[in-house]
C-alpha atoms as a PDB file:
ATOM      1  CA  MET A   1       0.000   0.000   0.000  1.00  0.00           C
ATOM      2  CA  THR A   2       1.453   3.379  -0.914  1.00  0.00           C
ATOM      3  CA  GLN A   3       1.760   6.285   1.464  1.00  0.00           C
ATOM      4  CA  THR A   4      -0.889   8.246  -0.437  1.00  0.00           C
ATOM      5  CA  SER A   5      -3.371   5.333  -0.398  1.00  0.00           C
ATOM      6  CA  ALA A   6      -2.884   4.517   3.287  1.00  0.00           C
ATOM      7  CA  PRO A   7      -5.979   4.843   5.499  1.00  0.00           C
ATOM      8  CA  ARG A   8      -6.397   8.157   7.221  1.00  0.00           C
ATOM      9  CA  LEU A   9      -5.019   8.617  10.708  1.00  0.00           C
ATOM     10  CA  LEU A  10      -7.515   8.233  13.509  1.00  0.00           C
ATOM     11  CA  THR A  11      -8.425  11.526  15.157  1.00  0.00           C
ATOM     12  CA  ARG A  12      -9.633  12.591  18.581  1.00  0.00           C
ATOM     13  CA  PRO A  13     -11.361  15.856  19.540  1.00  0.00           C
ATOM     14  CA  ILE A  14      -9.809  18.437  21.848  1.00  0.00           C
ATOM     15  CA  PRO A  15     -12.472  18.488  24.593  1.00  0.00           C
ATOM     16  CA  SER A  16     -12.396  22.259  25.150  1.00  0.00           C
ATOM     17  CA  SER A  17     -13.107  23.059  21.496  1.00  0.00           C
ATOM     18  CA  GLY A  18     -14.020  19.950  19.529  1.00  0.00           C
ATOM     19  CA  GLU A  19     -11.126  20.527  17.106  1.00  0.00           C
ATOM     20  CA  ALA A  20      -9.906  17.157  15.802  1.00  0.00           C
ATOM     21  CA  LEU A  21      -6.261  16.090  16.065  1.00  0.00           C
ATOM     22  CA  PRO A  22      -4.605  13.022  14.535  1.00  0.00           C
ATOM     23  CA  VAL A  23      -3.655  10.567  17.268  1.00  0.00           C
ATOM     24  CA  ILE A  24       0.009  10.347  16.189  1.00  0.00           C
ATOM     25  CA  GLY A  25       2.142  13.444  16.594  1.00  0.00           C
ATOM     26  CA  LEU A  26       5.873  14.113  16.360  1.00  0.00           C
ATOM     27  CA  GLY A  27       8.231  14.782  19.245  1.00  0.00           C
ATOM     28  CA  THR A  28      11.456  16.722  18.712  1.00  0.00           C
ATOM     29  CA  SER A  29      13.529  16.130  21.850  1.00  0.00           C
ATOM     30  CA  GLY A  30      16.796  14.579  20.718  1.00  0.00           C
ATOM     31  CA  PRO A  31      16.521  14.080  16.937  1.00  0.00           C
ATOM     32  CA  PHE A  32      15.770  17.739  16.157  1.00  0.00           C
ATOM     33  CA  GLU A  33      18.519  19.136  18.376  1.00  0.00           C
ATOM     34  CA  VAL A  34      20.990  19.628  15.527  1.00  0.00           C
ATOM     35  CA  GLY A  35      22.988  22.452  14.004  1.00  0.00           C
ATOM     36  CA  ALA A  36      22.715  24.128  10.642  1.00  0.00           C
ATOM     37  CA  GLU A  37      24.694  21.502   8.717  1.00  0.00           C
ATOM     38  CA  ALA A  38      22.853  20.236   5.652  1.00  0.00           C
ATOM     39  CA  ALA A  39      23.819  16.639   6.389  1.00  0.00           C
ATOM     40  CA  ALA A  40      22.238  16.830   9.853  1.00  0.00           C
ATOM     41  CA  ARG A  41      19.058  18.479   8.625  1.00  0.00           C
ATOM     42  CA  ALA A  42      18.391  16.445   5.475  1.00  0.00           C
ATOM     43  CA  PRO A  43      16.943  13.422   7.336  1.00  0.00           C
ATOM     44  CA  LEU A  44      14.742  15.756   9.382  1.00  0.00           C
ATOM     45  CA  ARG A  45      13.378  17.329   6.205  1.00  0.00           C
ATOM     46  CA  GLU A  46      12.413  13.800   5.073  1.00  0.00           C
ATOM     47  CA  VAL A  47      10.747  13.143   8.419  1.00  0.00           C
ATOM     48  CA  ILE A  48       8.748  16.374   8.280  1.00  0.00           C
ATOM     49  CA  ASP A  49       7.649  15.800   4.685  1.00  0.00           C
ATOM     50  CA  ALA A  50       6.560  12.233   5.461  1.00  0.00           C
ATOM     51  CA  PHE A  51       4.777  13.361   8.625  1.00  0.00           C
ATOM     52  CA  PHE A  52       2.525  15.816   6.809  1.00  0.00           C
ATOM     53  CA  ALA A  53       2.106  13.549   3.766  1.00  0.00           C
ATOM     54  CA  GLY A  54       0.922  10.852   6.152  1.00  0.00           C
ATOM     55  CA  GLY A  55      -1.685  13.075   7.783  1.00  0.00           C
ATOM     56  CA  GLY A  56       0.182  14.255  10.882  1.00  0.00           C
ATOM     57  CA  ARG A  57      -0.402  17.670  12.448  1.00  0.00           C
ATOM     58  CA  LEU A  58       0.816  18.042  16.047  1.00  0.00           C
ATOM     59  CA  ILE A  59       4.528  18.693  16.550  1.00  0.00           C
ATOM     60  CA  ASP A  60       5.738  19.028  20.138  1.00  0.00           C
ATOM     61  CA  THR A  61       8.866  20.981  21.041  1.00  0.00           C
ATOM     62  CA  SER A  62      10.325  23.202  23.758  1.00  0.00           C
ATOM     63  CA  PRO A  63      12.958  25.879  24.406  1.00  0.00           C
ATOM     64  CA  MET A  64      14.548  23.208  26.618  1.00  0.00           C
ATOM     65  CA  TYR A  65      15.382  21.165  23.504  1.00  0.00           C
ATOM     66  CA  SER A  66      18.392  23.314  22.519  1.00  0.00           C
ATOM     67  CA  THR A  67      18.035  24.071  18.768  1.00  0.00           C
ATOM     68  CA  ALA A  68      14.788  22.210  18.058  1.00  0.00           C
ATOM     69  CA  GLU A  69      12.543  25.278  17.773  1.00  0.00           C
ATOM     70  CA  ARG A  70      14.937  27.000  15.370  1.00  0.00           C
ATOM     71  CA  VAL A  71      15.326  23.855  13.275  1.00  0.00           C
ATOM     72  CA  LEU A  72      11.551  23.436  12.995  1.00  0.00           C
ATOM     73  CA  GLY A  73      11.002  27.058  12.061  1.00  0.00           C
ATOM     74  CA  GLU A  74      13.628  26.879   9.338  1.00  0.00           C
ATOM     75  CA  LEU A  75      12.582  23.498   7.913  1.00  0.00           C
ATOM     76  CA  LEU A  76       8.788  23.838   7.808  1.00  0.00           C
ATOM     77  CA  THR A  77       7.431  25.133   4.499  1.00  0.00           C
ATOM     78  CA  PRO A  78       4.641  27.753   4.474  1.00  0.00           C
ATOM     79  CA  ALA A  79       2.121  25.040   3.584  1.00  0.00           C
ATOM     80  CA  GLN A  80       3.339  22.850   6.436  1.00  0.00           C
ATOM     81  CA  GLN A  81       3.112  25.786   8.826  1.00  0.00           C
ATOM     82  CA  GLN A  82      -0.542  26.127   7.813  1.00  0.00           C
ATOM     83  CA  SER A  83      -1.221  22.439   8.503  1.00  0.00           C
ATOM     84  CA  CYS A  84       0.862  22.204  11.668  1.00  0.00           C
ATOM     85  CA  PHE A  85      -0.565  22.190  15.189  1.00  0.00           C
ATOM     86  CA  MET A  86       2.477  23.688  16.908  1.00  0.00           C
ATOM     87  CA  ALA A  87       2.884  22.752  20.561  1.00  0.00           C
ATOM     88  CA  THR A  88       5.751  24.263  22.506  1.00  0.00           C
ATOM     89  CA  LYS A  89       6.435  25.039  26.155  1.00  0.00           C
ATOM     90  CA  VAL A  90       7.513  27.727  28.568  1.00  0.00           C
ATOM     91  CA  TRP A  91      10.434  26.740  30.780  1.00  0.00           C
ATOM     92  CA  ALA A  92      11.410  29.785  32.812  1.00  0.00           C
ATOM     93  CA  ASP A  93      11.137  31.478  36.209  1.00  0.00           C
ATOM     94  CA  GLY A  94       9.274  34.777  36.509  1.00  0.00           C
ATOM     95  CA  ALA A  95       6.778  36.527  34.294  1.00  0.00           C
ATOM     96  CA  ALA A  96       9.343  38.602  32.406  1.00  0.00           C
ATOM     97  CA  ALA A  97      11.577  35.631  31.610  1.00  0.00           C
ATOM     98  CA  GLY A  98       8.583  33.555  30.563  1.00  0.00           C
ATOM     99  CA  ASP A  99       7.229  36.265  28.277  1.00  0.00           C
ATOM    100  CA  SER A 100      10.639  36.762  26.695  1.00  0.00           C
ATOM    101  CA  GLN A 101      10.998  33.038  26.108  1.00  0.00           C
ATOM    102  CA  MET A 102       7.568  32.759  24.494  1.00  0.00           C
ATOM    103  CA  LYS A 103       8.346  35.678  22.185  1.00  0.00           C
ATOM    104  CA  ASP A 104      11.543  33.857  21.218  1.00  0.00           C
ATOM    105  CA  SER A 105       9.473  30.741  20.484  1.00  0.00           C
ATOM    106  CA  GLU A 106       7.141  32.698  18.212  1.00  0.00           C
ATOM    107  CA  ARG A 107      10.133  34.106  16.342  1.00  0.00           C
ATOM    108  CA  LEU A 108      12.077  30.859  16.070  1.00  0.00           C
ATOM    109  CA  LEU A 109       9.094  28.722  15.125  1.00  0.00           C
ATOM    110  CA  ARG A 110       7.704  31.369  12.737  1.00  0.00           C
ATOM    111  CA  HIS A 111       4.270  30.310  13.876  1.00  0.00           C
ATOM    112  CA  ARG A 112       1.688  32.751  15.208  1.00  0.00           C
ATOM    113  CA  PRO A 113      -0.511  32.253  16.995  1.00  0.00           C
ATOM    114  CA  LEU A 114       1.142  29.327  18.715  1.00  0.00           C
ATOM    115  CA  ASP A 115      -1.398  26.529  18.861  1.00  0.00           C
ATOM    116  CA  LEU A 116      -0.437  25.248  22.300  1.00  0.00           C
ATOM    117  CA  VAL A 117       1.953  26.481  24.980  1.00  0.00           C
ATOM    118  CA  GLN A 118       2.506  24.222  27.983  1.00  0.00           C
ATOM    119  CA  VAL A 119       4.168  24.890  31.326  1.00  0.00           C
ATOM    120  CA  HIS A 120       7.149  22.562  31.006  1.00  0.00           C
ATOM    121  CA  ASN A 121       7.470  20.164  33.960  1.00  0.00           C
ATOM    122  CA  LEU A 122       5.240  22.505  36.019  1.00  0.00           C
ATOM    123  CA  ARG A 123       8.093  25.002  36.388  1.00  0.00           C
ATOM    124  CA  ASP A 124       6.977  28.250  38.066  1.00  0.00           C
ATOM    125  CA  LEU A 125       3.460  27.006  37.510  1.00  0.00           C
ATOM    126  CA  ALA A 126       1.254  29.763  38.976  1.00  0.00           C
ATOM    127  CA  VAL A 127       3.161  32.610  37.316  1.00  0.00           C
ATOM    128  CA  GLN A 128       3.462  30.957  33.924  1.00  0.00           C
ATOM    129  CA  LEU A 129      -0.167  29.780  33.836  1.00  0.00           C
ATOM    130  CA  ALA A 130      -1.313  33.344  34.548  1.00  0.00           C
ATOM    131  CA  SER A 131       0.861  34.594  31.687  1.00  0.00           C
ATOM    132  CA  LEU A 132      -0.474  31.911  29.368  1.00  0.00           C
ATOM    133  CA  ARG A 133      -4.064  32.829  30.175  1.00  0.00           C
ATOM    134  CA  ALA A 134      -3.250  36.434  29.275  1.00  0.00           C
ATOM    135  CA  MET A 135      -1.615  35.295  26.026  1.00  0.00           C
ATOM    136  CA  LYS A 136      -4.688  33.257  25.186  1.00  0.00           C
ATOM    137  CA  ALA A 137      -6.946  36.239  25.827  1.00  0.00           C
ATOM    138  CA  GLU A 138      -4.726  38.335  23.527  1.00  0.00           C
ATOM    139  CA  GLY A 139      -4.889  35.712  20.753  1.00  0.00           C
ATOM    140  CA  ARG A 140      -1.157  34.857  20.899  1.00  0.00           C
ATOM    141  CA  VAL A 141      -1.869  31.237  21.835  1.00  0.00           C
ATOM    142  CA  ARG A 142      -4.882  29.058  21.118  1.00  0.00           C
ATOM    143  CA  TYR A 143      -4.607  26.487  23.910  1.00  0.00           C
ATOM    144  CA  ILE A 144      -2.681  26.221  27.170  1.00  0.00           C
ATOM    145  CA  GLY A 145      -1.460  23.221  29.105  1.00  0.00           C
ATOM    146  CA  ILE A 146       0.905  21.578  31.584  1.00  0.00           C
ATOM    147  CA  THR A 147       3.482  18.800  31.237  1.00  0.00           C
ATOM    148  CA  HIS A 148       5.596  16.307  33.097  1.00  0.00           C
ATOM    149  CA  TYR A 149       7.316  13.052  32.254  1.00  0.00           C
ATOM    150  CA  THR A 150       7.546  11.117  35.527  1.00  0.00           C
ATOM    151  CA  VAL A 151       5.141   9.066  37.612  1.00  0.00           C
ATOM    152  CA  ALA A 152       6.320  10.983  40.688  1.00  0.00           C
ATOM    153  CA  ALA A 153       4.661  14.120  39.287  1.00  0.00           C
ATOM    154  CA  HIS A 154       1.261  12.525  38.608  1.00  0.00           C
ATOM    155  CA  ALA A 155      -0.255  13.695  41.888  1.00  0.00           C
ATOM    156  CA  ASP A 156       0.799  17.259  41.114  1.00  0.00           C
ATOM    157  CA  LEU A 157      -0.646  17.013  37.599  1.00  0.00           C
ATOM    158  CA  ALA A 158      -3.914  15.728  39.061  1.00  0.00           C
ATOM    159  CA  ARG A 159      -4.175  18.683  41.442  1.00  0.00           C
ATOM    160  CA  VAL A 160      -3.592  21.164  38.613  1.00  0.00           C
ATOM    161  CA  ILE A 161      -6.179  19.453  36.402  1.00  0.00           C
ATOM    162  CA  GLU A 162      -8.767  19.668  39.165  1.00  0.00           C
ATOM    163  CA  ARG A 163      -7.925  23.256  40.128  1.00  0.00           C
ATOM    164  CA  GLU A 164      -7.061  24.917  36.811  1.00  0.00           C
ATOM    165  CA  LYS A 165      -8.746  22.799  34.109  1.00  0.00           C
ATOM    166  CA  PRO A 166      -6.133  23.520  31.415  1.00  0.00           C
ATOM    167  CA  ASP A 167      -6.893  22.695  27.793  1.00  0.00           C
ATOM    168  CA  PHE A 168      -4.121  20.066  27.694  1.00  0.00           C
ATOM    169  CA  VAL A 169      -2.035  17.886  29.953  1.00  0.00           C
ATOM    170  CA  GLN A 170       1.067  16.056  28.726  1.00  0.00           C
ATOM    171  CA  LEU A 171       2.170  12.998  30.689  1.00  0.00           C
ATOM    172  CA  ASN A 172       4.031   9.707  30.482  1.00  0.00           C
ATOM    173  CA  TYR A 173       2.082   6.520  29.753  1.00  0.00           C
ATOM    174  CA  SER A 174       3.077   3.233  28.161  1.00  0.00           C
ATOM    175  CA  ALA A 175       2.484  -0.502  28.248  1.00  0.00           C
ATOM    176  CA  LEU A 176       5.301  -0.673  30.810  1.00  0.00           C
ATOM    177  CA  THR A 177       4.436   2.448  32.832  1.00  0.00           C
ATOM    178  CA  ARG A 178       0.669   2.266  33.183  1.00  0.00           C
ATOM    179  CA  GLU A 179       0.033   4.353  36.312  1.00  0.00           C
ATOM    180  CA  ALA A 180      -1.597   7.248  34.427  1.00  0.00           C
ATOM    181  CA  GLY A 181      -4.400   4.910  33.438  1.00  0.00           C
ATOM    182  CA  ASP A 182      -5.449   4.423  37.050  1.00  0.00           C
ATOM    183  CA  ARG A 183      -6.359   8.022  37.838  1.00  0.00           C
ATOM    184  CA  LEU A 184      -4.883  10.708  35.617  1.00  0.00           C
ATOM    185  CA  LEU A 185      -6.404   9.669  32.299  1.00  0.00           C
ATOM    186  CA  PRO A 186      -9.931   9.236  33.735  1.00  0.00           C
ATOM    187  CA  LEU A 187      -9.515  12.534  35.603  1.00  0.00           C
ATOM    188  CA  ALA A 188      -8.531  14.354  32.419  1.00  0.00           C
ATOM    189  CA  ALA A 189     -11.560  12.905  30.638  1.00  0.00           C
ATOM    190  CA  ASP A 190     -13.869  13.935  33.476  1.00  0.00           C
ATOM    191  CA  HIS A 191     -12.544  17.524  33.405  1.00  0.00           C
ATOM    192  CA  GLY A 192     -12.491  17.905  29.617  1.00  0.00           C
ATOM    193  CA  VAL A 193      -8.703  18.075  29.334  1.00  0.00           C
ATOM    194  CA  ALA A 194      -6.940  16.825  26.199  1.00  0.00           C
ATOM    195  CA  VAL A 195      -4.048  14.400  26.802  1.00  0.00           C
ATOM    196  CA  ILE A 196      -0.715  14.265  24.985  1.00  0.00           C
ATOM    197  CA  VAL A 197       1.323  11.180  25.866  1.00  0.00           C
ATOM    198  CA  ASN A 198       5.116  11.194  26.007  1.00  0.00           C
ATOM    199  CA  ARG A 199       7.556   8.293  26.574  1.00  0.00           C
ATOM    200  CA  ALA A 200       5.339   5.653  24.925  1.00  0.00           C
ATOM    201  CA  PHE A 201       8.568   3.816  24.052  1.00  0.00           C
ATOM    202  CA  GLU A 202      10.217   4.449  27.441  1.00  0.00           C
ATOM    203  CA  ASP A 203      12.946   6.425  25.667  1.00  0.00           C
ATOM    204  CA  GLY A 204      13.601   3.343  23.533  1.00  0.00           C
ATOM    205  CA  LYS A 205      14.252   1.021  26.470  1.00  0.00           C
ATOM    206  CA  VAL A 206      11.224  -1.140  25.690  1.00  0.00           C
ATOM    207  CA  PHE A 207      12.718  -2.093  22.325  1.00  0.00           C
ATOM    208  CA  ALA A 208      15.749  -3.553  24.096  1.00  0.00           C
ATOM    209  CA  ARG A 209      13.349  -5.953  25.812  1.00  0.00           C
ATOM    210  CA  LEU A 210      11.635  -6.854  22.549  1.00  0.00           C
ATOM    211  CA  LYS A 211      14.533  -7.002  20.076  1.00  0.00           C
ATOM    212  CA  ASP A 212      14.615 -10.816  20.028  1.00  0.00           C
ATOM    213  CA  VAL A 213      10.856 -11.324  20.466  1.00  0.00           C
ATOM    214  CA  PRO A 214       8.934 -12.101  17.255  1.00  0.00           C
ATOM    215  CA  LEU A 215       5.798 -10.062  16.672  1.00  0.00           C
ATOM    216  CA  PRO A 216       2.901 -12.246  17.884  1.00  0.00           C
ATOM    217  CA  ALA A 217       0.248 -13.354  15.415  1.00  0.00           C
ATOM    218  CA  TRP A 218      -2.393 -11.691  17.564  1.00  0.00           C
ATOM    219  CA  ALA A 219      -1.006  -8.239  16.650  1.00  0.00           C
ATOM    220  CA  ALA A 220      -2.754  -8.628  13.296  1.00  0.00           C
ATOM    221  CA  GLU A 221      -6.096  -8.595  15.115  1.00  0.00           C
ATOM    222  CA  PHE A 222      -5.634  -4.844  15.593  1.00  0.00           C
ATOM    223  CA  ASP A 223      -3.692  -4.171  12.371  1.00  0.00           C
ATOM    224  CA  ALA A 224      -0.235  -3.840  13.937  1.00  0.00           C
ATOM    225  CA  THR A 225       2.744  -4.945  11.865  1.00  0.00           C
ATOM    226  CA  SER A 226       5.580  -3.897  14.224  1.00  0.00           C
ATOM    227  CA  TRP A 227       6.284  -3.631  17.930  1.00  0.00           C
ATOM    228  CA  ALA A 228       6.278   0.171  17.636  1.00  0.00           C
ATOM    229  CA  GLN A 229       2.730   0.037  16.305  1.00  0.00           C
ATOM    230  CA  VAL A 230       1.693  -2.349  19.083  1.00  0.00           C
ATOM    231  CA  LEU A 231       3.060   0.040  21.711  1.00  0.00           C
ATOM    232  CA  LEU A 232       1.450   3.103  20.152  1.00  0.00           C
ATOM    233  CA  LYS A 233      -1.889   1.365  19.748  1.00  0.00           C
ATOM    234  CA  TYR A 234      -1.757   0.375  23.422  1.00  0.00           C
ATOM    235  CA  VAL A 235      -1.574   4.070  24.325  1.00  0.00           C
ATOM    236  CA  ILE A 236      -4.166   5.230  21.795  1.00  0.00           C
ATOM    237  CA  ALA A 237      -6.598   2.543  22.889  1.00  0.00           C
ATOM    238  CA  HIS A 238      -7.314   4.564  26.017  1.00  0.00           C
ATOM    239  CA  PRO A 239     -10.198   6.872  25.026  1.00  0.00           C
ATOM    240  CA  ALA A 240      -8.850   9.786  27.096  1.00  0.00           C
ATOM    241  CA  VAL A 241      -5.655   9.975  24.995  1.00  0.00           C
ATOM    242  CA  THR A 242      -5.778  12.674  22.342  1.00  0.00           C
ATOM    243  CA  CYS A 243      -2.320  12.282  20.788  1.00  0.00           C
ATOM    244  CA  VAL A 244       0.961  10.447  21.373  1.00  0.00           C
ATOM    245  CA  ILE A 245       4.253  12.077  20.336  1.00  0.00           C
ATOM    246  CA  PRO A 246       7.096   9.645  19.580  1.00  0.00           C
ATOM    247  CA  ALA A 247      10.269  11.461  18.557  1.00  0.00           C
ATOM    248  CA  THR A 248      12.290  10.262  15.590  1.00  0.00           C
ATOM    249  CA  GLY A 249      14.830  11.527  13.090  1.00  0.00           C
ATOM    250  CA  LYS A 250      14.410   8.566  10.716  1.00  0.00           C
ATOM    251  CA  VAL A 251      11.759   8.569   8.008  1.00  0.00           C
ATOM    252  CA  ARG A 252      11.374   4.772   8.161  1.00  0.00           C
ATOM    253  CA  ASN A 253      10.491   4.972  11.848  1.00  0.00           C
ATOM    254  CA  LEU A 254       8.207   7.955  11.257  1.00  0.00           C
ATOM    255  CA  ARG A 255       6.148   6.024   8.708  1.00  0.00           C
ATOM    256  CA  ASP A 256       6.020   3.025  11.033  1.00  0.00           C
ATOM    257  CA  ASN A 257       4.800   5.253  13.872  1.00  0.00           C
ATOM    258  CA  LEU A 258       2.096   6.817  11.701  1.00  0.00           C
ATOM    259  CA  ALA A 259       0.801   3.354  10.842  1.00  0.00           C
ATOM    260  CA  GLY A 260       0.188   2.892  14.556  1.00  0.00           C
ATOM    261  CA  GLY A 261      -2.533   5.527  14.263  1.00  0.00           C
ATOM    262  CA  ARG A 262      -4.479   3.672  11.586  1.00  0.00           C
ATOM    263  CA  GLY A 263      -6.850   0.730  11.607  1.00  0.00           C
ATOM    264  CA  ARG A 264      -8.267  -1.181  14.522  1.00  0.00           C
ATOM    265  CA  LEU A 265      -7.227  -0.686  18.150  1.00  0.00           C
ATOM    266  CA  PRO A 266      -6.653  -3.438  20.724  1.00  0.00           C
ATOM    267  CA  ASP A 267      -9.569  -4.524  22.889  1.00  0.00           C
ATOM    268  CA  ALA A 268      -9.283  -5.303  26.589  1.00  0.00           C
ATOM    269  CA  ALA A 269      -8.041  -8.833  25.972  1.00  0.00           C
ATOM    270  CA  ALA A 270      -5.389  -7.634  23.525  1.00  0.00           C
ATOM    271  CA  LEU A 271      -4.251  -4.916  25.938  1.00  0.00           C
ATOM    272  CA  GLY A 272      -3.595  -7.624  28.493  1.00  0.00           C
ATOM    273  CA  LYS A 273      -1.537  -9.573  25.968  1.00  0.00           C
ATOM    274  CA  ILE A 274       0.537  -6.487  25.192  1.00  0.00           C
ATOM    275  CA  VAL A 275       1.276  -5.883  28.869  1.00  0.00           C
ATOM    276  CA  ALA A 276       2.274  -9.514  29.333  1.00  0.00           C
ATOM    277  CA  ALA A 277       4.534  -9.426  26.284  1.00  0.00           C
ATOM    278  CA  VAL A 278       6.456  -6.308  27.265  1.00  0.00           C
ATOM    279  CA  SER A 279       6.665  -7.260  30.930  1.00  0.00           C
ATOM    280  CA  ALA A 280       8.088 -10.743  30.366  1.00  0.00           C
END
């Protein structure tokens, strides 16, 4: 099946607006932290082109990721900027520093209004959330959110969801690290908060467990043809998940990841099989 004839990506609505987002996004931490050398950027250009050709929209980045914002801004074409749902973060202390950083993000990403700005790892939360609400009122950002990447922060994320009701929360969730499914994901659904999932591959560690394990025949029951697709479909199968954002700098992996957002999703029995397989 060719890329152009592939089924469309599944989408989920942002609860606060109803706007639909494809369930597979693109993370930039690591692969997009490169310099200006053509050799370093050429594979990323392929990844970006394949991402949009395959129906992707949400790209997640941050000022914390060294050069990633600049690289994105310089690689995205005008047409891709129009299609892109640009999610970045504020990672600063104090209102002035946060505002300066967000202005830098607008300039580097060449994207205004920014679609989503998230308080990165809850840093200076009260101050930065207040600034983001003002930016949203001014039309400089469309949605606001919060992020973290550890289970230890889940209780803090839950308190912010209940108290602040942001548009988005970004959190870690995978077939190996399932704690978010116990409380955070249902809580987000109850409060109308969209969920972006990071670390679905446990920073690649899960593949070390699976490298010598053949793909089970039962993966075909939910249209998965690789372990990456199995792992992504595990995450997407939770109805509270809006989008998952695996990072990659390889076009082959990007296309494989996108395929994880197409076709059938695992049922409860299949989810149990996935957990057993990755936990063995």
